[in-house]
Amino acid sequence: MTETTVASGYPAAFLDRDGVINVDVGYPHLIETFRFIPGAPEAIKALNDAGYRVVVVSNQSGVARGLFTEEAVRVFNQHIAHSLASFGAKIDAFYFCPYHPEAAVERYRVDHHERKPRPGMIERAASEMTLDLTRSFLIGDRETDILAASAAGIPGYLFKENNLFSFVEGHGLSTPPQHV
């Protein structure tokens, strides 16, 4: 008789923020400039419905550059979460890295292990949220996102299209994840 091993933890869809969920207007942080990428709310809802924890992992070097504060990032993230609610969609957690090795603001001048392309944010989320990385993936719009996914041992998908829902559906990512 063979034993079946059921994966423990929740599968996750890790999403970069700027350029994947919201339009990247160059260091987005002002609510009045916020716009969803077409299909983003629908894609996030489809991922929710498929059983994924949706987790944002985002470098926010604008903090290190002195362009805005960590609190501004949190307020912007809360606005995204609130805006998604009207679509019946939700983000389970936001993680961001405000550090940059060449930061203008000295306290953020760190080559931090959570700054993508390193996998620190993914690994911390997996630990804190009891996530199963064997059933998880990441969608990002930059090569550093894909490198972070690879370093964490999960598939990474490079989003360079104009509709996130079509992208998620086209890659079969909104189907319920299988136990390994």
N, C-alpha and C. Protein backbone atom coordinates (compact mmCIF):
# COMPACT_ATOMS: atom_id res chain seq x y z
N MET A 1 0.86 -1.19 0.00
CA MET A 1 0.00 0.00 0.00
C MET A 1 0.89 1.24 0.00
N THR A 2 0.59 2.19 -0.87
CA THR A 2 1.38 3.42 -0.92
C THR A 2 0.65 4.53 -0.20
N GLU A 3 1.45 5.41 0.35
CA GLU A 3 0.89 6.55 1.07
C GLU A 3 0.85 7.76 0.14
N THR A 4 -0.23 8.48 0.17
CA THR A 4 -0.32 9.71 -0.60
C THR A 4 0.04 10.87 0.32
N THR A 5 0.96 11.68 -0.15
CA THR A 5 1.36 12.85 0.63
C THR A 5 0.57 14.05 0.14
N VAL A 6 -0.11 14.69 1.04
CA VAL A 6 -0.87 15.89 0.70
C VAL A 6 -0.04 17.09 1.13
N ALA A 7 0.13 18.02 0.21
CA ALA A 7 0.91 19.22 0.51
C ALA A 7 0.24 20.00 1.63
N SER A 8 1.07 20.54 2.51
CA SER A 8 0.51 21.38 3.58
C SER A 8 0.66 22.84 3.19
N GLY A 9 -0.25 23.63 3.61
CA GLY A 9 -0.19 25.05 3.29
C GLY A 9 -1.06 25.40 2.10
N TYR A 10 -1.16 26.68 1.89
CA TYR A 10 -2.01 27.21 0.83
C TYR A 10 -1.18 27.52 -0.41
N PRO A 11 -1.72 27.29 -1.58
CA PRO A 11 -1.04 27.72 -2.80
C PRO A 11 -1.15 29.25 -2.90
N ALA A 12 -0.16 29.85 -3.54
CA ALA A 12 -0.17 31.32 -3.66
C ALA A 12 0.09 31.77 -5.08
N ALA A 13 -0.57 32.86 -5.43
CA ALA A 13 -0.27 33.58 -6.66
C ALA A 13 0.41 34.87 -6.21
N PHE A 14 1.71 34.94 -6.40
CA PHE A 14 2.47 36.14 -6.06
C PHE A 14 2.38 37.09 -7.25
N LEU A 15 2.04 38.34 -6.99
CA LEU A 15 1.93 39.34 -8.06
C LEU A 15 2.82 40.53 -7.73
N ASP A 16 3.57 40.98 -8.72
CA ASP A 16 4.21 42.27 -8.59
C ASP A 16 3.08 43.31 -8.61
N ARG A 17 3.34 44.51 -8.13
CA ARG A 17 2.27 45.50 -8.07
C ARG A 17 2.27 46.41 -9.30
N ASP A 18 3.25 47.28 -9.39
CA ASP A 18 3.28 48.29 -10.45
C ASP A 18 3.58 47.64 -11.80
N GLY A 19 2.64 47.79 -12.74
CA GLY A 19 2.79 47.20 -14.06
C GLY A 19 2.10 45.85 -14.20
N VAL A 20 1.60 45.31 -13.08
CA VAL A 20 0.85 44.05 -13.12
C VAL A 20 -0.57 44.28 -12.60
N ILE A 21 -0.68 44.93 -11.46
CA ILE A 21 -2.00 45.23 -10.88
C ILE A 21 -2.44 46.64 -11.26
N ASN A 22 -1.55 47.59 -11.08
CA ASN A 22 -1.86 48.98 -11.41
C ASN A 22 -0.92 49.49 -12.49
N VAL A 23 -1.38 50.49 -13.21
CA VAL A 23 -0.57 51.11 -14.26
C VAL A 23 0.64 51.76 -13.60
N ASP A 24 1.81 51.50 -14.15
CA ASP A 24 3.05 52.07 -13.62
C ASP A 24 3.26 53.45 -14.25
N VAL A 25 3.00 54.47 -13.45
CA VAL A 25 3.13 55.85 -13.92
C VAL A 25 4.49 56.44 -13.53
N GLY A 26 5.39 55.59 -13.07
CA GLY A 26 6.69 56.06 -12.58
C GLY A 26 6.60 56.34 -11.09
N TYR A 27 7.00 55.37 -10.28
CA TYR A 27 6.92 55.45 -8.82
C TYR A 27 5.49 55.77 -8.34
N PRO A 28 4.51 54.95 -8.72
CA PRO A 28 3.14 55.22 -8.30
C PRO A 28 3.00 55.21 -6.77
N HIS A 29 2.38 56.26 -6.26
CA HIS A 29 2.13 56.34 -4.82
C HIS A 29 0.97 57.29 -4.50
N LEU A 30 0.52 58.02 -5.48
CA LEU A 30 -0.59 58.95 -5.27
C LEU A 30 -1.90 58.31 -5.74
N ILE A 31 -2.88 58.30 -4.85
CA ILE A 31 -4.16 57.67 -5.17
C ILE A 31 -4.80 58.29 -6.41
N GLU A 32 -4.61 59.58 -6.60
CA GLU A 32 -5.24 60.22 -7.76
C GLU A 32 -4.65 59.75 -9.10
N THR A 33 -3.49 59.10 -9.07
CA THR A 33 -2.90 58.57 -10.32
C THR A 33 -3.19 57.08 -10.49
N PHE A 34 -3.89 56.47 -9.53
CA PHE A 34 -4.13 55.03 -9.55
C PHE A 34 -5.10 54.64 -10.66
N ARG A 35 -4.71 53.61 -11.41
CA ARG A 35 -5.59 52.97 -12.40
C ARG A 35 -5.21 51.49 -12.45
N PHE A 36 -6.20 50.63 -12.47
CA PHE A 36 -5.93 49.20 -12.62
C PHE A 36 -5.41 48.92 -14.02
N ILE A 37 -4.50 47.96 -14.13
CA ILE A 37 -4.18 47.36 -15.42
C ILE A 37 -5.49 46.71 -15.90
N PRO A 38 -5.84 46.82 -17.18
CA PRO A 38 -7.07 46.17 -17.64
C PRO A 38 -7.07 44.67 -17.27
N GLY A 39 -8.21 44.23 -16.75
CA GLY A 39 -8.39 42.83 -16.38
C GLY A 39 -7.79 42.44 -15.04
N ALA A 40 -7.13 43.36 -14.34
CA ALA A 40 -6.49 43.00 -13.05
C ALA A 40 -7.52 42.58 -12.00
N PRO A 41 -8.58 43.35 -11.77
CA PRO A 41 -9.54 42.91 -10.75
C PRO A 41 -10.15 41.54 -11.07
N GLU A 42 -10.47 41.32 -12.34
CA GLU A 42 -11.07 40.05 -12.76
C GLU A 42 -10.07 38.90 -12.59
N ALA A 43 -8.81 39.16 -12.89
CA ALA A 43 -7.77 38.13 -12.74
C ALA A 43 -7.59 37.77 -11.26
N ILE A 44 -7.56 38.77 -10.41
CA ILE A 44 -7.38 38.53 -8.97
C ILE A 44 -8.58 37.76 -8.42
N LYS A 45 -9.78 38.12 -8.86
CA LYS A 45 -10.98 37.38 -8.43
C LYS A 45 -10.90 35.92 -8.90
N ALA A 46 -10.48 35.70 -10.13
CA ALA A 46 -10.36 34.33 -10.65
C ALA A 46 -9.34 33.53 -9.84
N LEU A 47 -8.24 34.17 -9.44
CA LEU A 47 -7.23 33.50 -8.61
C LEU A 47 -7.79 33.20 -7.23
N ASN A 48 -8.54 34.16 -6.65
CA ASN A 48 -9.21 33.93 -5.37
C ASN A 48 -10.14 32.72 -5.48
N ASP A 49 -10.97 32.72 -6.52
CA ASP A 49 -11.96 31.66 -6.70
C ASP A 49 -11.31 30.29 -6.93
N ALA A 50 -10.11 30.28 -7.50
CA ALA A 50 -9.40 29.02 -7.75
C ALA A 50 -8.72 28.48 -6.49
N GLY A 51 -8.72 29.27 -5.41
CA GLY A 51 -8.15 28.79 -4.16
C GLY A 51 -6.76 29.29 -3.83
N TYR A 52 -6.26 30.23 -4.62
CA TYR A 52 -4.94 30.81 -4.35
C TYR A 52 -5.02 31.92 -3.33
N ARG A 53 -4.01 32.02 -2.47
CA ARG A 53 -3.79 33.22 -1.68
C ARG A 53 -3.10 34.19 -2.64
N VAL A 54 -3.60 35.38 -2.77
CA VAL A 54 -2.99 36.37 -3.65
C VAL A 54 -2.12 37.28 -2.79
N VAL A 55 -0.83 37.31 -3.14
CA VAL A 55 0.16 38.02 -2.34
C VAL A 55 0.95 38.96 -3.25
N VAL A 56 0.96 40.23 -2.90
CA VAL A 56 1.74 41.21 -3.65
C VAL A 56 3.16 41.25 -3.08
N VAL A 57 4.15 41.17 -3.97
CA VAL A 57 5.56 41.32 -3.59
C VAL A 57 6.15 42.40 -4.50
N SER A 58 6.52 43.52 -3.91
CA SER A 58 6.87 44.70 -4.71
C SER A 58 8.08 45.44 -4.17
N ASN A 59 9.08 45.66 -5.03
CA ASN A 59 10.15 46.59 -4.68
C ASN A 59 9.55 47.99 -4.71
N GLN A 60 9.87 48.79 -3.71
CA GLN A 60 9.39 50.17 -3.67
C GLN A 60 10.58 51.09 -3.41
N SER A 61 11.45 51.20 -4.42
CA SER A 61 12.67 51.99 -4.26
C SER A 61 12.37 53.49 -4.18
N GLY A 62 11.15 53.90 -4.50
CA GLY A 62 10.79 55.31 -4.34
C GLY A 62 10.94 55.77 -2.89
N VAL A 63 10.76 54.84 -1.95
CA VAL A 63 10.98 55.16 -0.54
C VAL A 63 12.45 55.45 -0.32
N ALA A 64 13.32 54.56 -0.82
CA ALA A 64 14.77 54.73 -0.66
C ALA A 64 15.26 55.99 -1.37
N ARG A 65 14.59 56.36 -2.43
CA ARG A 65 14.98 57.56 -3.20
C ARG A 65 14.45 58.85 -2.58
N GLY A 66 13.64 58.72 -1.51
CA GLY A 66 13.10 59.89 -0.85
C GLY A 66 11.91 60.51 -1.56
N LEU A 67 11.29 59.78 -2.47
CA LEU A 67 10.16 60.30 -3.24
C LEU A 67 8.84 60.22 -2.47
N PHE A 68 8.73 59.23 -1.57
CA PHE A 68 7.55 59.06 -0.73
C PHE A 68 7.93 58.17 0.44
N THR A 69 7.01 58.01 1.38
CA THR A 69 7.29 57.28 2.61
C THR A 69 6.71 55.86 2.57
N GLU A 70 7.12 55.05 3.54
CA GLU A 70 6.53 53.72 3.68
C GLU A 70 5.03 53.83 3.93
N GLU A 71 4.63 54.85 4.70
CA GLU A 71 3.20 55.04 4.97
C GLU A 71 2.44 55.33 3.67
N ALA A 72 3.04 56.07 2.75
CA ALA A 72 2.39 56.33 1.45
C ALA A 72 2.20 55.03 0.68
N VAL A 73 3.16 54.12 0.77
CA VAL A 73 3.02 52.81 0.13
C VAL A 73 1.84 52.06 0.75
N ARG A 74 1.75 52.07 2.07
CA ARG A 74 0.66 51.38 2.75
C ARG A 74 -0.71 51.96 2.37
N VAL A 75 -0.80 53.28 2.30
CA VAL A 75 -2.06 53.94 1.93
C VAL A 75 -2.44 53.56 0.49
N PHE A 76 -1.47 53.56 -0.41
CA PHE A 76 -1.71 53.19 -1.81
C PHE A 76 -2.19 51.73 -1.88
N ASN A 77 -1.54 50.85 -1.12
CA ASN A 77 -1.93 49.44 -1.09
C ASN A 77 -3.35 49.27 -0.54
N GLN A 78 -3.69 50.04 0.51
CA GLN A 78 -5.05 49.98 1.07
C GLN A 78 -6.07 50.43 0.03
N HIS A 79 -5.70 51.43 -0.76
CA HIS A 79 -6.60 51.89 -1.81
C HIS A 79 -6.84 50.79 -2.85
N ILE A 80 -5.78 50.07 -3.22
CA ILE A 80 -5.92 48.95 -4.15
C ILE A 80 -6.87 47.92 -3.56
N ALA A 81 -6.63 47.55 -2.29
CA ALA A 81 -7.46 46.53 -1.64
C ALA A 81 -8.92 46.97 -1.60
N HIS A 82 -9.17 48.22 -1.25
CA HIS A 82 -10.54 48.75 -1.19
C HIS A 82 -11.18 48.75 -2.58
N SER A 83 -10.41 49.15 -3.59
CA SER A 83 -10.93 49.18 -4.96
C SER A 83 -11.27 47.78 -5.47
N LEU A 84 -10.48 46.78 -5.07
CA LEU A 84 -10.74 45.40 -5.50
C LEU A 84 -12.02 44.84 -4.89
N ALA A 85 -12.36 45.31 -3.68
CA ALA A 85 -13.52 44.78 -2.97
C ALA A 85 -14.80 44.94 -3.80
N SER A 86 -14.90 46.01 -4.56
CA SER A 86 -16.11 46.22 -5.36
C SER A 86 -16.23 45.20 -6.50
N PHE A 87 -15.15 44.49 -6.78
CA PHE A 87 -15.16 43.43 -7.80
C PHE A 87 -15.30 42.05 -7.14
N GLY A 88 -15.40 42.02 -5.81
CA GLY A 88 -15.43 40.75 -5.10
C GLY A 88 -14.08 40.07 -5.07
N ALA A 89 -13.03 40.83 -5.25
CA ALA A 89 -11.65 40.30 -5.29
C ALA A 89 -10.88 40.80 -4.08
N LYS A 90 -9.85 40.04 -3.70
CA LYS A 90 -9.05 40.49 -2.56
C LYS A 90 -7.60 40.06 -2.70
N ILE A 91 -6.75 40.86 -2.09
CA ILE A 91 -5.34 40.53 -1.94
C ILE A 91 -5.17 40.13 -0.49
N ASP A 92 -4.58 38.96 -0.28
CA ASP A 92 -4.43 38.43 1.07
C ASP A 92 -3.33 39.12 1.86
N ALA A 93 -2.29 39.60 1.18
CA ALA A 93 -1.20 40.29 1.87
C ALA A 93 -0.38 41.10 0.88
N PHE A 94 0.15 42.20 1.38
CA PHE A 94 1.07 43.05 0.62
C PHE A 94 2.43 42.99 1.31
N TYR A 95 3.46 42.70 0.56
CA TYR A 95 4.84 42.78 1.05
C TYR A 95 5.57 43.75 0.12
N PHE A 96 6.37 44.62 0.72
CA PHE A 96 7.16 45.52 -0.12
C PHE A 96 8.54 45.72 0.48
N CYS A 97 9.49 46.00 -0.40
CA CYS A 97 10.87 46.24 0.03
C CYS A 97 11.23 47.68 -0.30
N PRO A 98 11.45 48.52 0.73
CA PRO A 98 11.76 49.93 0.50
C PRO A 98 13.27 50.20 0.33
N TYR A 99 14.07 49.15 0.36
CA TYR A 99 15.54 49.32 0.36
C TYR A 99 16.13 49.33 -1.05
N HIS A 100 17.26 50.00 -1.17
CA HIS A 100 18.00 50.04 -2.42
C HIS A 100 19.47 50.29 -2.08
N PRO A 101 20.40 49.56 -2.71
CA PRO A 101 21.82 49.72 -2.36
C PRO A 101 22.38 51.12 -2.63
N GLU A 102 21.72 51.89 -3.48
CA GLU A 102 22.19 53.25 -3.79
C GLU A 102 21.17 54.30 -3.35
N ALA A 103 20.51 54.03 -2.25
CA ALA A 103 19.44 54.91 -1.77
C ALA A 103 19.93 56.30 -1.44
N ALA A 104 19.08 57.28 -1.70
CA ALA A 104 19.36 58.67 -1.30
C ALA A 104 19.14 58.82 0.21
N VAL A 105 18.19 58.07 0.76
CA VAL A 105 17.89 58.11 2.19
C VAL A 105 18.75 57.04 2.86
N GLU A 106 19.66 57.49 3.69
CA GLU A 106 20.69 56.59 4.23
C GLU A 106 20.13 55.35 4.92
N ARG A 107 19.08 55.49 5.70
CA ARG A 107 18.58 54.33 6.44
C ARG A 107 18.03 53.23 5.54
N TYR A 108 17.78 53.54 4.26
CA TYR A 108 17.30 52.54 3.30
C TYR A 108 18.41 52.07 2.37
N ARG A 109 19.63 52.54 2.59
CA ARG A 109 20.76 52.18 1.72
C ARG A 109 21.32 50.83 2.17
N VAL A 110 20.63 49.78 1.73
CA VAL A 110 20.98 48.41 2.11
C VAL A 110 20.77 47.51 0.90
N ASP A 111 21.69 46.58 0.69
CA ASP A 111 21.50 45.56 -0.33
C ASP A 111 20.71 44.44 0.34
N HIS A 112 19.41 44.64 0.46
CA HIS A 112 18.52 43.83 1.31
C HIS A 112 18.14 42.50 0.66
N HIS A 113 18.05 41.46 1.48
CA HIS A 113 17.70 40.12 0.98
C HIS A 113 16.25 40.02 0.47
N GLU A 114 15.43 41.00 0.76
CA GLU A 114 14.05 40.96 0.25
C GLU A 114 13.89 41.73 -1.06
N ARG A 115 14.91 42.45 -1.48
CA ARG A 115 14.80 43.20 -2.74
C ARG A 115 14.94 42.25 -3.92
N LYS A 116 13.90 42.22 -4.76
CA LYS A 116 13.97 41.39 -5.96
C LYS A 116 15.14 41.88 -6.82
N PRO A 117 15.96 40.99 -7.34
CA PRO A 117 15.68 39.61 -7.73
C PRO A 117 15.90 38.56 -6.64
N ARG A 118 16.15 38.97 -5.44
CA ARG A 118 16.28 37.99 -4.36
C ARG A 118 14.88 37.52 -3.94
N PRO A 119 14.79 36.32 -3.34
CA PRO A 119 13.49 35.74 -3.03
C PRO A 119 12.96 36.06 -1.63
N GLY A 120 13.56 36.99 -0.91
CA GLY A 120 13.21 37.22 0.49
C GLY A 120 11.74 37.49 0.78
N MET A 121 11.09 38.32 -0.03
CA MET A 121 9.67 38.60 0.22
C MET A 121 8.82 37.35 0.03
N ILE A 122 9.13 36.57 -0.99
CA ILE A 122 8.39 35.33 -1.26
C ILE A 122 8.58 34.36 -0.10
N GLU A 123 9.82 34.19 0.34
CA GLU A 123 10.12 33.27 1.43
C GLU A 123 9.48 33.71 2.74
N ARG A 124 9.52 35.01 3.02
CA ARG A 124 8.90 35.50 4.26
C ARG A 124 7.39 35.29 4.23
N ALA A 125 6.76 35.60 3.09
CA ALA A 125 5.31 35.37 2.95
C ALA A 125 4.99 33.90 3.12
N ALA A 126 5.78 33.03 2.52
CA ALA A 126 5.53 31.58 2.62
C ALA A 126 5.57 31.15 4.08
N SER A 127 6.52 31.66 4.82
CA SER A 127 6.67 31.30 6.23
C SER A 127 5.54 31.89 7.08
N GLU A 128 5.27 33.17 6.91
CA GLU A 128 4.27 33.85 7.73
C GLU A 128 2.83 33.42 7.43
N MET A 129 2.58 33.01 6.18
CA MET A 129 1.22 32.71 5.75
C MET A 129 0.96 31.22 5.55
N THR A 130 1.92 30.39 5.88
CA THR A 130 1.83 28.94 5.67
C THR A 130 1.45 28.64 4.21
N LEU A 131 2.31 29.08 3.31
CA LEU A 131 2.06 28.88 1.89
C LEU A 131 2.84 27.67 1.38
N ASP A 132 2.28 27.00 0.41
CA ASP A 132 2.91 25.84 -0.22
C ASP A 132 3.52 26.30 -1.54
N LEU A 133 4.82 26.49 -1.54
CA LEU A 133 5.49 26.99 -2.74
C LEU A 133 5.46 25.98 -3.89
N THR A 134 5.25 24.69 -3.60
CA THR A 134 5.20 23.71 -4.68
C THR A 134 3.95 23.88 -5.55
N ARG A 135 2.97 24.65 -5.04
CA ARG A 135 1.73 24.89 -5.80
C ARG A 135 1.53 26.38 -6.05
N SER A 136 2.62 27.12 -6.09
CA SER A 136 2.55 28.58 -6.21
C SER A 136 3.28 29.06 -7.46
N PHE A 137 3.05 30.30 -7.82
CA PHE A 137 3.72 30.93 -8.96
C PHE A 137 3.76 32.43 -8.76
N LEU A 138 4.49 33.12 -9.63
CA LEU A 138 4.60 34.58 -9.58
C LEU A 138 4.34 35.15 -10.96
N ILE A 139 3.67 36.29 -10.99
CA ILE A 139 3.51 37.06 -12.23
C ILE A 139 4.16 38.41 -12.00
N GLY A 140 5.09 38.76 -12.88
CA GLY A 140 5.77 40.05 -12.78
C GLY A 140 5.99 40.64 -14.16
N ASP A 141 6.35 41.92 -14.18
CA ASP A 141 6.55 42.58 -15.46
C ASP A 141 8.02 42.88 -15.75
N ARG A 142 8.93 42.42 -14.88
CA ARG A 142 10.36 42.66 -15.08
C ARG A 142 11.13 41.37 -14.87
N GLU A 143 12.29 41.32 -15.46
CA GLU A 143 13.15 40.14 -15.32
C GLU A 143 13.51 39.89 -13.86
N THR A 144 13.65 40.96 -13.05
CA THR A 144 13.97 40.77 -11.63
C THR A 144 12.87 39.98 -10.92
N ASP A 145 11.62 40.13 -11.34
CA ASP A 145 10.52 39.36 -10.77
C ASP A 145 10.70 37.87 -11.07
N ILE A 146 11.04 37.58 -12.32
CA ILE A 146 11.20 36.19 -12.75
C ILE A 146 12.40 35.55 -12.05
N LEU A 147 13.46 36.32 -11.87
CA LEU A 147 14.63 35.81 -11.16
C LEU A 147 14.31 35.53 -9.69
N ALA A 148 13.50 36.37 -9.06
CA ALA A 148 13.08 36.14 -7.67
C ALA A 148 12.25 34.86 -7.57
N ALA A 149 11.35 34.66 -8.53
CA ALA A 149 10.54 33.44 -8.55
C ALA A 149 11.44 32.22 -8.67
N SER A 150 12.36 32.27 -9.60
CA SER A 150 13.28 31.16 -9.81
C SER A 150 14.10 30.87 -8.55
N ALA A 151 14.59 31.92 -7.90
CA ALA A 151 15.37 31.76 -6.67
C ALA A 151 14.55 31.15 -5.54
N ALA A 152 13.22 31.38 -5.57
CA ALA A 152 12.33 30.81 -4.56
C ALA A 152 11.84 29.41 -4.97
N GLY A 153 12.20 28.98 -6.17
CA GLY A 153 11.82 27.65 -6.63
C GLY A 153 10.40 27.55 -7.15
N ILE A 154 9.85 28.67 -7.63
CA ILE A 154 8.49 28.66 -8.17
C ILE A 154 8.51 29.16 -9.62
N PRO A 155 7.52 28.78 -10.42
CA PRO A 155 7.45 29.30 -11.78
C PRO A 155 7.20 30.81 -11.77
N GLY A 156 7.81 31.49 -12.71
CA GLY A 156 7.58 32.92 -12.89
C GLY A 156 7.07 33.19 -14.29
N TYR A 157 6.09 34.07 -14.40
CA TYR A 157 5.49 34.41 -15.68
C TYR A 157 5.71 35.90 -15.94
N LEU A 158 6.29 36.21 -17.09
CA LEU A 158 6.57 37.60 -17.44
C LEU A 158 5.35 38.20 -18.14
N PHE A 159 4.75 39.19 -17.50
CA PHE A 159 3.55 39.85 -18.02
C PHE A 159 3.96 41.09 -18.80
N LYS A 160 3.76 41.05 -20.11
CA LYS A 160 4.07 42.20 -20.97
C LYS A 160 2.88 42.50 -21.89
N GLU A 161 1.71 42.02 -21.48
CA GLU A 161 0.52 42.19 -22.31
C GLU A 161 -0.32 43.33 -21.76
N ASN A 162 -1.52 43.52 -22.32
CA ASN A 162 -2.33 44.66 -21.87
C ASN A 162 -3.56 44.26 -21.06
N ASN A 163 -3.75 42.95 -20.78
CA ASN A 163 -4.91 42.53 -20.00
C ASN A 163 -4.52 41.36 -19.10
N LEU A 164 -4.53 41.59 -17.79
CA LEU A 164 -4.08 40.57 -16.85
C LEU A 164 -5.02 39.36 -16.82
N PHE A 165 -6.31 39.59 -16.93
CA PHE A 165 -7.25 38.46 -16.92
C PHE A 165 -6.99 37.54 -18.11
N SER A 166 -6.83 38.10 -19.29
CA SER A 166 -6.55 37.30 -20.49
C SER A 166 -5.24 36.54 -20.32
N PHE A 167 -4.25 37.17 -19.71
CA PHE A 167 -2.95 36.54 -19.48
C PHE A 167 -3.10 35.34 -18.53
N VAL A 168 -3.80 35.55 -17.42
CA VAL A 168 -4.00 34.49 -16.42
C VAL A 168 -4.77 33.33 -17.04
N GLU A 169 -5.84 33.63 -17.75
CA GLU A 169 -6.63 32.59 -18.40
C GLU A 169 -5.82 31.88 -19.49
N GLY A 170 -5.09 32.65 -20.28
CA GLY A 170 -4.30 32.08 -21.38
C GLY A 170 -3.19 31.15 -20.92
N HIS A 171 -2.70 31.36 -19.71
CA HIS A 171 -1.65 30.50 -19.16
C HIS A 171 -2.23 29.41 -18.25
N GLY A 172 -3.56 29.33 -18.16
CA GLY A 172 -4.20 28.30 -17.33
C GLY A 172 -3.93 28.47 -15.84
N LEU A 173 -3.70 29.71 -15.40
CA LEU A 173 -3.33 29.96 -14.00
C LEU A 173 -4.52 30.08 -13.07
N SER A 174 -5.72 30.18 -13.61
CA SER A 174 -6.88 30.33 -12.72
C SER A 174 -7.59 29.01 -12.44
N THR A 175 -6.91 27.91 -12.78
CA THR A 175 -7.46 26.60 -12.43
C THR A 175 -6.98 26.24 -11.04
N PRO A 176 -7.79 25.52 -10.29
CA PRO A 176 -7.37 25.18 -8.92
C PRO A 176 -6.05 24.41 -8.93
N PRO A 177 -5.15 24.78 -8.03
CA PRO A 177 -3.84 24.12 -7.98
C PRO A 177 -3.96 22.68 -7.49
N GLN A 178 -3.13 21.82 -8.03
CA GLN A 178 -3.14 20.40 -7.66
C GLN A 178 -2.24 20.14 -6.47
N HIS A 179 -2.63 19.20 -5.64
CA HIS A 179 -1.75 18.75 -4.56
C HIS A 179 -0.62 17.93 -5.18
N VAL A 180 0.55 18.07 -4.62
CA VAL A 180 1.70 17.32 -5.15
C VAL A 180 1.99 16.13 -4.26
